Structures are given as C-alpha cells and as structure tokens.
Full PDB file with SEQRES, HELIX, SHEET, SSBOND, CRYST1, ORIGX, SCALE, CONECT and MASTER records, all heavy atoms in Angstrom:
SEQRES   1 A   36  LEU ARG LEU SER CYS ALA ALA SER GLY ASN PRO LEU SER          
SEQRES   2 A   36  ILE THR HIS MET GLY TRP TYR ARG GLN ALA PRO GLY LYS          
SEQRES   3 A   36  HIS ARG GLU LEU VAL ALA THR MET SER VAL                      
HELIX    1 AA1 PRO A   11  SER A   13  5                                   3    
SHEET    1 AA1 2 HIS A  16  ARG A  21  0                                        
SHEET    2 AA1 2 GLU A  29  SER A  35 -1                                        
CRYST1    1.000    1.000    1.000  90.00  90.00  90.00 P 1           1          
ORIGX1      1.000000  0.000000  0.000000        0.00000                         
ORIGX2      0.000000  1.000000  0.000000        0.00000                         
ORIGX3      0.000000  0.000000  1.000000        0.00000                         
SCALE1      1.000000  0.000000  0.000000        0.00000                         
SCALE2      0.000000  1.000000  0.000000        0.00000                         
SCALE3      0.000000  0.000000  1.000000        0.00000                         
ATOM      1  N   LEU A   1     106.348 123.640 111.411  1.00  0.00           N  
ATOM      2  CA  LEU A   1     107.646 123.144 111.042  1.00  0.00           C  
ATOM      3  C   LEU A   1     108.077 123.865 109.781  1.00  0.00           C  
ATOM      4  O   LEU A   1     107.243 124.297 109.013  1.00  0.00           O  
ATOM      5  CB  LEU A   1     107.645 121.660 110.769  1.00  0.00           C  
ATOM      6  CG  LEU A   1     107.571 120.675 111.979  1.00  0.00           C  
ATOM      7  CD1 LEU A   1     107.422 119.249 111.461  1.00  0.00           C  
ATOM      8  CD2 LEU A   1     108.818 120.805 112.834  1.00  0.00           C  
ATOM      9  N   ARG A   2     109.379 123.952 109.584  1.00  0.00           N  
ATOM     10  CA  ARG A   2     109.924 124.575 108.392  1.00  0.00           C  
ATOM     11  C   ARG A   2     110.902 123.565 107.757  1.00  0.00           C  
ATOM     12  O   ARG A   2     111.907 123.196 108.346  1.00  0.00           O  
ATOM     13  CB  ARG A   2     110.658 125.869 108.716  1.00  0.00           C  
ATOM     14  CG  ARG A   2     111.137 126.606 107.440  1.00  0.00           C  
ATOM     15  CD  ARG A   2     111.761 127.956 107.820  1.00  0.00           C  
ATOM     16  NE  ARG A   2     112.215 128.685 106.635  1.00  0.00           N  
ATOM     17  CZ  ARG A   2     111.447 129.520 105.936  1.00  0.00           C  
ATOM     18  NH1 ARG A   2     110.172 129.710 106.300  1.00  0.00           N  
ATOM     19  NH2 ARG A   2     111.932 130.156 104.881  1.00  0.00           N  
ATOM     20  N   LEU A   3     110.574 123.121 106.554  1.00  0.00           N  
ATOM     21  CA  LEU A   3     111.407 122.226 105.795  1.00  0.00           C  
ATOM     22  C   LEU A   3     112.330 123.035 104.828  1.00  0.00           C  
ATOM     23  O   LEU A   3     111.911 124.096 104.326  1.00  0.00           O  
ATOM     24  CB  LEU A   3     110.603 121.226 104.977  1.00  0.00           C  
ATOM     25  CG  LEU A   3     109.549 120.438 105.723  1.00  0.00           C  
ATOM     26  CD1 LEU A   3     108.864 119.466 104.802  1.00  0.00           C  
ATOM     27  CD2 LEU A   3     110.151 119.690 106.908  1.00  0.00           C  
ATOM     28  N   SER A   4     113.482 122.504 104.577  1.00  0.00           N  
ATOM     29  CA  SER A   4     114.419 123.132 103.649  1.00  0.00           C  
ATOM     30  C   SER A   4     114.954 122.106 102.663  1.00  0.00           C  
ATOM     31  O   SER A   4     115.162 120.955 103.043  1.00  0.00           O  
ATOM     32  CB  SER A   4     115.560 123.817 104.385  1.00  0.00           C  
ATOM     33  OG  SER A   4     116.426 124.495 103.514  1.00  0.00           O  
ATOM     34  N   CYS A   5     115.182 122.521 101.444  1.00  0.00           N  
ATOM     35  CA  CYS A   5     115.732 121.642 100.402  1.00  0.00           C  
ATOM     36  C   CYS A   5     116.837 122.396  99.702  1.00  0.00           C  
ATOM     37  O   CYS A   5     116.625 123.458  99.119  1.00  0.00           O  
ATOM     38  CB  CYS A   5     114.648 121.257  99.429  1.00  0.00           C  
ATOM     39  SG  CYS A   5     115.270 120.325  97.993  1.00  0.00           S  
ATOM     40  N   ALA A   6     118.036 121.810  99.699  1.00  0.00           N  
ATOM     41  CA  ALA A   6     119.208 122.395  99.050  1.00  0.00           C  
ATOM     42  C   ALA A   6     119.628 121.545  97.855  1.00  0.00           C  
ATOM     43  O   ALA A   6     119.749 120.328  97.965  1.00  0.00           O  
ATOM     44  CB  ALA A   6     120.377 122.544 100.020  1.00  0.00           C  
ATOM     45  N   ALA A   7     119.804 122.178  96.713  1.00  0.00           N  
ATOM     46  CA  ALA A   7     120.222 121.487  95.498  1.00  0.00           C  
ATOM     47  C   ALA A   7     121.719 121.707  95.278  1.00  0.00           C  
ATOM     48  O   ALA A   7     122.237 122.812  95.521  1.00  0.00           O  
ATOM     49  CB  ALA A   7     119.437 122.012  94.307  1.00  0.00           C  
ATOM     50  N   SER A   8     122.390 120.662  94.855  1.00  0.00           N  
ATOM     51  CA  SER A   8     123.798 120.736  94.550  1.00  0.00           C  
ATOM     52  C   SER A   8     124.122 119.891  93.332  1.00  0.00           C  
ATOM     53  O   SER A   8     123.238 119.223  92.778  1.00  0.00           O  
ATOM     54  CB  SER A   8     124.644 120.257  95.739  1.00  0.00           C  
ATOM     55  OG  SER A   8     124.394 118.915  96.051  1.00  0.00           O  
ATOM     56  N   GLY A   9     125.341 119.911  92.892  1.00  0.00           N  
ATOM     57  CA  GLY A   9     125.754 119.189  91.706  1.00  0.00           C  
ATOM     58  C   GLY A   9     125.756 120.127  90.523  1.00  0.00           C  
ATOM     59  O   GLY A   9     126.738 120.803  90.251  1.00  0.00           O  
ATOM     60  N   ASN A  10     124.651 120.147  89.798  1.00  0.00           N  
ATOM     61  CA  ASN A  10     124.490 121.061  88.659  1.00  0.00           C  
ATOM     62  C   ASN A  10     123.122 121.749  88.756  1.00  0.00           C  
ATOM     63  O   ASN A  10     122.284 121.573  87.886  1.00  0.00           O  
ATOM     64  CB  ASN A  10     124.583 120.274  87.334  1.00  0.00           C  
ATOM     65  CG  ASN A  10     124.613 121.182  86.120  1.00  0.00           C  
ATOM     66  OD1 ASN A  10     125.051 122.325  86.201  1.00  0.00           O  
ATOM     67  ND2 ASN A  10     124.142 120.673  85.011  1.00  0.00           N  
ATOM     68  N   PRO A  11     122.914 122.536  89.787  1.00  0.00           N  
ATOM     69  CA  PRO A  11     121.603 123.117  90.048  1.00  0.00           C  
ATOM     70  C   PRO A  11     121.198 124.259  89.156  1.00  0.00           C  
ATOM     71  O   PRO A  11     120.017 124.629  89.160  1.00  0.00           O  
ATOM     72  CB  PRO A  11     121.690 123.551  91.516  1.00  0.00           C  
ATOM     73  CG  PRO A  11     123.139 123.957  91.633  1.00  0.00           C  
ATOM     74  CD  PRO A  11     123.909 122.926  90.808  1.00  0.00           C  
ATOM     75  N   LEU A  12     122.121 124.830  88.399  1.00  0.00           N  
ATOM     76  CA  LEU A  12     121.764 125.982  87.587  1.00  0.00           C  
ATOM     77  C   LEU A  12     120.785 125.677  86.479  1.00  0.00           C  
ATOM     78  O   LEU A  12     120.129 126.577  85.970  1.00  0.00           O  
ATOM     79  CB  LEU A  12     123.046 126.615  86.984  1.00  0.00           C  
ATOM     80  CG  LEU A  12     124.080 127.167  87.968  1.00  0.00           C  
ATOM     81  CD1 LEU A  12     125.244 127.741  87.237  1.00  0.00           C  
ATOM     82  CD2 LEU A  12     123.416 128.189  88.855  1.00  0.00           C  
ATOM     83  N   SER A  13     120.666 124.391  86.125  1.00  0.00           N  
ATOM     84  CA  SER A  13     119.700 124.036  85.096  1.00  0.00           C  
ATOM     85  C   SER A  13     118.281 123.888  85.615  1.00  0.00           C  
ATOM     86  O   SER A  13     117.334 123.788  84.826  1.00  0.00           O  
ATOM     87  CB  SER A  13     120.126 122.704  84.429  1.00  0.00           C  
ATOM     88  OG  SER A  13     120.111 121.646  85.386  1.00  0.00           O  
ATOM     89  N   ILE A  14     118.113 123.924  86.919  1.00  0.00           N  
ATOM     90  CA  ILE A  14     116.799 123.735  87.529  1.00  0.00           C  
ATOM     91  C   ILE A  14     115.912 124.964  87.342  1.00  0.00           C  
ATOM     92  O   ILE A  14     116.328 126.074  87.601  1.00  0.00           O  
ATOM     93  CB  ILE A  14     116.943 123.390  89.020  1.00  0.00           C  
ATOM     94  CG1 ILE A  14     117.711 122.091  89.184  1.00  0.00           C  
ATOM     95  CG2 ILE A  14     115.597 123.343  89.711  1.00  0.00           C  
ATOM     96  CD1 ILE A  14     117.016 120.891  88.576  1.00  0.00           C  
ATOM     97  N   THR A  15     114.697 124.706  86.895  1.00  0.00           N  
ATOM     98  CA  THR A  15     113.725 125.804  86.703  1.00  0.00           C  
ATOM     99  C   THR A  15     112.552 125.730  87.681  1.00  0.00           C  
ATOM    100  O   THR A  15     111.870 126.717  87.899  1.00  0.00           O  
ATOM    101  CB  THR A  15     113.182 125.811  85.277  1.00  0.00           C  
ATOM    102  OG1 THR A  15     112.511 124.589  84.988  1.00  0.00           O  
ATOM    103  CG2 THR A  15     114.323 126.023  84.272  1.00  0.00           C  
ATOM    104  N   HIS A  16     112.312 124.545  88.202  1.00  0.00           N  
ATOM    105  CA  HIS A  16     111.208 124.347  89.154  1.00  0.00           C  
ATOM    106  C   HIS A  16     111.646 123.480  90.307  1.00  0.00           C  
ATOM    107  O   HIS A  16     112.361 122.517  90.126  1.00  0.00           O  
ATOM    108  CB  HIS A  16     110.016 123.656  88.482  1.00  0.00           C  
ATOM    109  CG  HIS A  16     109.355 124.494  87.437  1.00  0.00           C  
ATOM    110  ND1 HIS A  16     109.884 124.713  86.179  1.00  0.00           N  
ATOM    111  CD2 HIS A  16     108.175 125.214  87.461  1.00  0.00           C  
ATOM    112  CE1 HIS A  16     109.070 125.506  85.488  1.00  0.00           C  
ATOM    113  NE2 HIS A  16     108.029 125.800  86.237  1.00  0.00           N  
ATOM    114  N   MET A  17     111.239 123.872  91.495  1.00  0.00           N  
ATOM    115  CA  MET A  17     111.483 123.065  92.689  1.00  0.00           C  
ATOM    116  C   MET A  17     110.181 123.011  93.488  1.00  0.00           C  
ATOM    117  O   MET A  17     109.342 123.912  93.379  1.00  0.00           O  
ATOM    118  CB  MET A  17     112.612 123.632  93.550  1.00  0.00           C  
ATOM    119  CG  MET A  17     113.966 123.599  92.849  1.00  0.00           C  
ATOM    120  SD  MET A  17     115.333 124.158  93.921  1.00  0.00           S  
ATOM    121  CE  MET A  17     115.393 122.802  95.107  1.00  0.00           C  
ATOM    122  N   GLY A  18     110.055 121.991  94.282  1.00  0.00           N  
ATOM    123  CA  GLY A  18     108.853 121.890  95.092  1.00  0.00           C  
ATOM    124  C   GLY A  18     108.883 120.723  96.057  1.00  0.00           C  
ATOM    125  O   GLY A  18     109.917 120.101  96.283  1.00  0.00           O  
ATOM    126  N   TRP A  19     107.732 120.510  96.661  1.00  0.00           N  
ATOM    127  CA  TRP A  19     107.578 119.488  97.672  1.00  0.00           C  
ATOM    128  C   TRP A  19     106.421 118.572  97.361  1.00  0.00           C  
ATOM    129  O   TRP A  19     105.340 119.018  96.952  1.00  0.00           O  
ATOM    130  CB  TRP A  19     107.333 120.127  99.047  1.00  0.00           C  
ATOM    131  CG  TRP A  19     108.492 120.939  99.559  1.00  0.00           C  
ATOM    132  CD1 TRP A  19     108.750 122.232  99.329  1.00  0.00           C  
ATOM    133  CD2 TRP A  19     109.591 120.448 100.337  1.00  0.00           C  
ATOM    134  NE1 TRP A  19     109.926 122.597  99.929  1.00  0.00           N  
ATOM    135  CE2 TRP A  19     110.470 121.519 100.562  1.00  0.00           C  
ATOM    136  CE3 TRP A  19     109.911 119.168 100.851  1.00  0.00           C  
ATOM    137  CZ2 TRP A  19     111.627 121.400 101.315  1.00  0.00           C  
ATOM    138  CZ3 TRP A  19     111.081 119.058 101.589  1.00  0.00           C  
ATOM    139  CH2 TRP A  19     111.921 120.150 101.806  1.00  0.00           C  
ATOM    140  N   TYR A  20     106.662 117.308  97.570  1.00  0.00           N  
ATOM    141  CA  TYR A  20     105.619 116.281  97.530  1.00  0.00           C  
ATOM    142  C   TYR A  20     105.615 115.575  98.876  1.00  0.00           C  
ATOM    143  O   TYR A  20     106.556 115.727  99.674  1.00  0.00           O  
ATOM    144  CB  TYR A  20     105.890 115.233  96.432  1.00  0.00           C  
ATOM    145  CG  TYR A  20     105.693 115.748  95.029  1.00  0.00           C  
ATOM    146  CD1 TYR A  20     106.650 116.537  94.413  1.00  0.00           C  
ATOM    147  CD2 TYR A  20     104.569 115.407  94.302  1.00  0.00           C  
ATOM    148  CE1 TYR A  20     106.487 117.020  93.121  1.00  0.00           C  
ATOM    149  CE2 TYR A  20     104.377 115.847  92.991  1.00  0.00           C  
ATOM    150  CZ  TYR A  20     105.330 116.640  92.400  1.00  0.00           C  
ATOM    151  OH  TYR A  20     105.178 117.080  91.121  1.00  0.00           O  
ATOM    152  N   ARG A  21     104.568 114.825  99.136  1.00  0.00           N  
ATOM    153  CA  ARG A  21     104.537 114.021 100.329  1.00  0.00           C  
ATOM    154  C   ARG A  21     103.858 112.693 100.066  1.00  0.00           C  
ATOM    155  O   ARG A  21     103.063 112.558  99.163  1.00  0.00           O  
ATOM    156  CB  ARG A  21     103.816 114.765 101.487  1.00  0.00           C  
ATOM    157  CG  ARG A  21     102.293 114.902 101.295  1.00  0.00           C  
ATOM    158  CD  ARG A  21     101.719 115.745 102.394  1.00  0.00           C  
ATOM    159  NE  ARG A  21     100.234 115.770 102.378  1.00  0.00           N  
ATOM    160  CZ  ARG A  21      99.491 116.510 103.178  1.00  0.00           C  
ATOM    161  NH1 ARG A  21     100.069 117.349 104.060  1.00  0.00           N  
ATOM    162  NH2 ARG A  21      98.187 116.453 103.082  1.00  0.00           N  
ATOM    163  N   GLN A  22     104.173 111.723 100.909  1.00  0.00           N  
ATOM    164  CA  GLN A  22     103.597 110.375 100.764  1.00  0.00           C  
ATOM    165  C   GLN A  22     103.407 109.793 102.181  1.00  0.00           C  
ATOM    166  O   GLN A  22     104.354 109.598 102.911  1.00  0.00           O  
ATOM    167  CB  GLN A  22     104.498 109.475  99.926  1.00  0.00           C  
ATOM    168  CG  GLN A  22     103.847 108.118  99.640  1.00  0.00           C  
ATOM    169  CD  GLN A  22     104.609 107.343  98.573  1.00  0.00           C  
ATOM    170  OE1 GLN A  22     105.771 107.618  98.288  1.00  0.00           O  
ATOM    171  NE2 GLN A  22     103.948 106.365  97.994  1.00  0.00           N  
ATOM    172  N   ALA A  23     102.151 109.507 102.477  1.00  0.00           N  
ATOM    173  CA  ALA A  23     101.793 108.855 103.714  1.00  0.00           C  
ATOM    174  C   ALA A  23     101.737 107.333 103.476  1.00  0.00           C  
ATOM    175  O   ALA A  23     101.550 106.896 102.338  1.00  0.00           O  
ATOM    176  CB  ALA A  23     100.432 109.370 104.215  1.00  0.00           C  
ATOM    177  N   PRO A  24     101.866 106.543 104.510  1.00  0.00           N  
ATOM    178  CA  PRO A  24     101.824 105.098 104.374  1.00  0.00           C  
ATOM    179  C   PRO A  24     100.518 104.668 103.697  1.00  0.00           C  
ATOM    180  O   PRO A  24      99.449 105.088 104.093  1.00  0.00           O  
ATOM    181  CB  PRO A  24     101.891 104.593 105.835  1.00  0.00           C  
ATOM    182  CG  PRO A  24     102.637 105.672 106.556  1.00  0.00           C  
ATOM    183  CD  PRO A  24     102.168 106.925 105.912  1.00  0.00           C  
ATOM    184  N   GLY A  25     100.662 103.803 102.694  1.00  0.00           N  
ATOM    185  CA  GLY A  25      99.492 103.274 102.006  1.00  0.00           C  
ATOM    186  C   GLY A  25      98.844 104.230 101.005  1.00  0.00           C  
ATOM    187  O   GLY A  25      97.812 103.905 100.451  1.00  0.00           O  
ATOM    188  N   LYS A  26      99.469 105.386 100.803  1.00  0.00           N  
ATOM    189  CA  LYS A  26      98.907 106.365  99.886  1.00  0.00           C  
ATOM    190  C   LYS A  26      99.909 106.709  98.797  1.00  0.00           C  
ATOM    191  O   LYS A  26     101.120 106.462  98.944  1.00  0.00           O  
ATOM    192  CB  LYS A  26      98.504 107.654 100.631  1.00  0.00           C  
ATOM    193  CG  LYS A  26      97.444 107.457 101.665  1.00  0.00           C  
ATOM    194  CD  LYS A  26      97.013 108.783 102.293  1.00  0.00           C  
ATOM    195  CE  LYS A  26      96.286 109.649 101.280  1.00  0.00           C  
ATOM    196  NZ  LYS A  26      95.774 110.920 101.904  1.00  0.00           N  
ATOM    197  N   HIS A  27      99.408 107.245  97.697  1.00  0.00           N  
ATOM    198  CA  HIS A  27     100.274 107.659  96.612  1.00  0.00           C  
ATOM    199  C   HIS A  27     100.909 109.003  96.949  1.00  0.00           C  
ATOM    200  O   HIS A  27     100.414 109.796  97.763  1.00  0.00           O  
ATOM    201  CB  HIS A  27      99.514 107.769  95.310  1.00  0.00           C  
ATOM    202  CG  HIS A  27      99.066 106.451  94.765  1.00  0.00           C  
ATOM    203  ND1 HIS A  27      97.828 105.889  94.999  1.00  0.00           N  
ATOM    204  CD2 HIS A  27      99.744 105.593  93.922  1.00  0.00           C  
ATOM    205  CE1 HIS A  27      97.769 104.738  94.387  1.00  0.00           C  
ATOM    206  NE2 HIS A  27      98.876 104.530  93.725  1.00  0.00           N  
ATOM    207  N   ARG A  28     102.026 109.268  96.293  1.00  0.00           N  
ATOM    208  CA  ARG A  28     102.678 110.536  96.420  1.00  0.00           C  
ATOM    209  C   ARG A  28     101.782 111.656  95.892  1.00  0.00           C  
ATOM    210  O   ARG A  28     101.143 111.501  94.864  1.00  0.00           O  
ATOM    211  CB  ARG A  28     103.998 110.534  95.635  1.00  0.00           C  
ATOM    212  CG  ARG A  28     104.833 111.779  95.739  1.00  0.00           C  
ATOM    213  CD  ARG A  28     106.058 111.655  94.830  1.00  0.00           C  
ATOM    214  NE  ARG A  28     105.682 111.477  93.420  1.00  0.00           N  
ATOM    215  CZ  ARG A  28     106.530 111.115  92.484  1.00  0.00           C  
ATOM    216  NH1 ARG A  28     107.783 110.870  92.779  1.00  0.00           N  
ATOM    217  NH2 ARG A  28     106.081 111.001  91.243  1.00  0.00           N  
ATOM    218  N   GLU A  29     101.739 112.760  96.600  1.00  0.00           N  
ATOM    219  CA  GLU A  29     100.897 113.891  96.183  1.00  0.00           C  
ATOM    220  C   GLU A  29     101.672 115.187  96.255  1.00  0.00           C  
ATOM    221  O   GLU A  29     102.553 115.393  97.089  1.00  0.00           O  
ATOM    222  CB  GLU A  29      99.625 113.970  97.068  1.00  0.00           C  
ATOM    223  CG  GLU A  29      99.906 114.154  98.539  1.00  0.00           C  
ATOM    224  CD  GLU A  29      98.637 114.093  99.369  1.00  0.00           C  
ATOM    225  OE1 GLU A  29      97.534 113.961  98.784  1.00  0.00           O  
ATOM    226  OE2 GLU A  29      98.728 114.205 100.620  1.00  0.00           O  
ATOM    227  N   LEU A  30     101.300 116.107  95.390  1.00  0.00           N  
ATOM    228  CA  LEU A  30     101.892 117.422  95.345  1.00  0.00           C  
ATOM    229  C   LEU A  30     101.516 118.250  96.541  1.00  0.00           C  
ATOM    230  O   LEU A  30     100.357 118.254  96.947  1.00  0.00           O  
ATOM    231  CB  LEU A  30     101.465 118.131  94.058  1.00  0.00           C  
ATOM    232  CG  LEU A  30     101.883 119.618  93.918  1.00  0.00           C  
ATOM    233  CD1 LEU A  30     103.398 119.711  93.683  1.00  0.00           C  
ATOM    234  CD2 LEU A  30     101.121 120.271  92.787  1.00  0.00           C  
ATOM    235  N   VAL A  31     102.483 118.968  97.102  1.00  0.00           N  
ATOM    236  CA  VAL A  31     102.224 119.879  98.178  1.00  0.00           C  
ATOM    237  C   VAL A  31     102.343 121.321  97.706  1.00  0.00           C  
ATOM    238  O   VAL A  31     101.415 122.116  97.862  1.00  0.00           O  
ATOM    239  CB  VAL A  31     103.195 119.645  99.376  1.00  0.00           C  
ATOM    240  CG1 VAL A  31     102.962 120.676 100.471  1.00  0.00           C  
ATOM    241  CG2 VAL A  31     103.023 118.241  99.915  1.00  0.00           C  
ATOM    242  N   ALA A  32     103.470 121.689  97.139  1.00  0.00           N  
ATOM    243  CA  ALA A  32     103.690 123.045  96.657  1.00  0.00           C  
ATOM    244  C   ALA A  32     104.862 123.067  95.697  1.00  0.00           C  
ATOM    245  O   ALA A  32     105.769 122.243  95.813  1.00  0.00           O  
ATOM    246  CB  ALA A  32     103.954 123.998  97.834  1.00  0.00           C  
ATOM    247  N   THR A  33     104.807 124.010  94.758  1.00  0.00           N  
ATOM    248  CA  THR A  33     105.919 124.151  93.807  1.00  0.00           C  
ATOM    249  C   THR A  33     106.261 125.628  93.632  1.00  0.00           C  
ATOM    250  O   THR A  33     105.431 126.515  93.859  1.00  0.00           O  
ATOM    251  CB  THR A  33     105.583 123.573  92.419  1.00  0.00           C  
ATOM    252  OG1 THR A  33     104.510 124.322  91.831  1.00  0.00           O  
ATOM    253  CG2 THR A  33     105.191 122.097  92.536  1.00  0.00           C  
ATOM    254  N   MET A  34     107.469 125.881  93.178  1.00  0.00           N  
ATOM    255  CA  MET A  34     107.930 127.239  92.873  1.00  0.00           C  
ATOM    256  C   MET A  34     108.854 127.199  91.678  1.00  0.00           C  
ATOM    257  O   MET A  34     109.737 126.365  91.589  1.00  0.00           O  
ATOM    258  CB  MET A  34     108.631 127.876  94.072  1.00  0.00           C  
ATOM    259  CG  MET A  34     109.313 129.203  93.759  1.00  0.00           C  
ATOM    260  SD  MET A  34     109.979 130.037  95.219  1.00  0.00           S  
ATOM    261  CE  MET A  34     108.506 130.933  95.745  1.00  0.00           C  
ATOM    262  N   SER A  35     108.644 128.117  90.705  1.00  0.00           N  
ATOM    263  CA  SER A  35     109.521 128.274  89.570  1.00  0.00           C  
ATOM    264  C   SER A  35     110.587 129.287  89.861  1.00  0.00           C  
ATOM    265  O   SER A  35     110.495 130.057  90.831  1.00  0.00           O  
ATOM    266  CB  SER A  35     108.740 128.655  88.351  1.00  0.00           C  
ATOM    267  OG  SER A  35     108.315 130.025  88.453  1.00  0.00           O  
ATOM    268  N   VAL A  36     111.611 129.345  89.034  1.00  0.00           N  
ATOM    269  CA  VAL A  36     112.690 130.321  89.204  1.00  0.00           C  
ATOM    270  C   VAL A  36     112.179 131.723  89.039  1.00  0.00           C  
ATOM    271  O   VAL A  36     112.802 132.693  89.517  1.00  0.00           O  
ATOM    272  CB  VAL A  36     113.851 130.044  88.241  1.00  0.00           C  
ATOM    273  CG1 VAL A  36     114.543 128.731  88.582  1.00  0.00           C  
ATOM    274  CG2 VAL A  36     113.395 130.064  86.795  1.00  0.00           C  
TER     275      VAL A  36                                                      
MASTER        0    0    0    1    2    0    0    6  274    1    0    3          
END                                                                             
C-alpha cells in the first residue's frame, strides 16, 4: 500500500513530517520520519 499525506494552511513552517500508527489496545508508535 502507498499512503500519502498533504499539508495545507501554513505548511511552509514545517521542518519534519512523518507517520505514526496505533493498533487497538496499543500506544501510538513511530513508523518513519523525514526532515525537509
């Protein structure tokens, strides 16, 4: 699968973006990140 994330509003200030995931009954966990 390929997920996509689009930022809008005031995105020029963003320096890092990434993905987290959360399964039922579990805490949110980091998947991957990317800096500008």
